[in-house]
Amino acid sequence: MLYLFIVIVLSYLVGSFPTALVFGKLFKGVDIRQLGSKNMGSTNAFRVLGWKVGVLVQLVDIAKGFIATLLISKLFFGNLPFENRTPFQDITIVQLIAGISAIIGHVWTVFAGFKGGKGINTTAGMLLSLAPIDATIAIGMFILVLMFSGYVSLGSIIAAYSFPSAMFIRENFFGVEIDGYHTLIYFSLAVCIFLTYNHRANIKRLMYGEENRFEKWWKVRWIQIDAPFKRKKKVKDL
């Protein structure tokens, strides 16, 4: 139990590293929590800090999921303190726990008043280490949605659900045997719900046509996505 506790705490602390906050102060001398959307994710970092620092923030946030899942999990020794009912080895379960702990740390960081990013990049790091093919497909979907819509939030949400969808299609339609498929797909669906909850404000803005676009990344503009509940502007009487 002690080793598992150590893994959880260390993974949480790694995930809690406030990348955008630290790099914003280090490279630009600003507090990203006071600018843009005031979120400490890479999207706001791109807008506020520029693409170079934004890319650095994104890479580090992805690395946090990798480090927790692949490295910190190896500090676990012995047997799990609960019965393992999955087809995975105990160490793989520990990797999942470590990855989840890092995501929680990113979203609710102890170093910034328990307010952080939305967890997409750290989740991507964890999933890339567990199921690289399906995670790569999800990243590809994110890029496509971003190019066709300009919405990072929409791309993130669709990418999240693309991961279990890719697993389902590969396993059931192409006959690819994925280790621990029945555990991973339910686990990834739970992660999708969690990430969707974190994007609830973005979803509302998308529905009302008020979500900000990344114009530079909106490459394909011959497809227009209309907001289903777009508010009509009131015309004042002269």
Foldseek 3Di string as FASTA:
>chain_A
DVLLVQLLVVLLQLLQPLLQQVLCCVPPNDGLCVDDVSASALVSCCVPVNDVSSVVRLVSNLVSLQCSLPPSLVSDDDADPDDDPFLDDRSNVSSLSSLVSSQCSQCQPPVPNGHHHLRLSSNLSNCCVQPVVLSVVLVVQLLVCCQAAQANLVSSLSSLVSSLVVLCCCCPPVVDDDVRNVPVSVVSVVVSVSSCVSCVVVVVCQLQVNHDGPVVSHNHHPDDDDRVNHDDDDDDDD
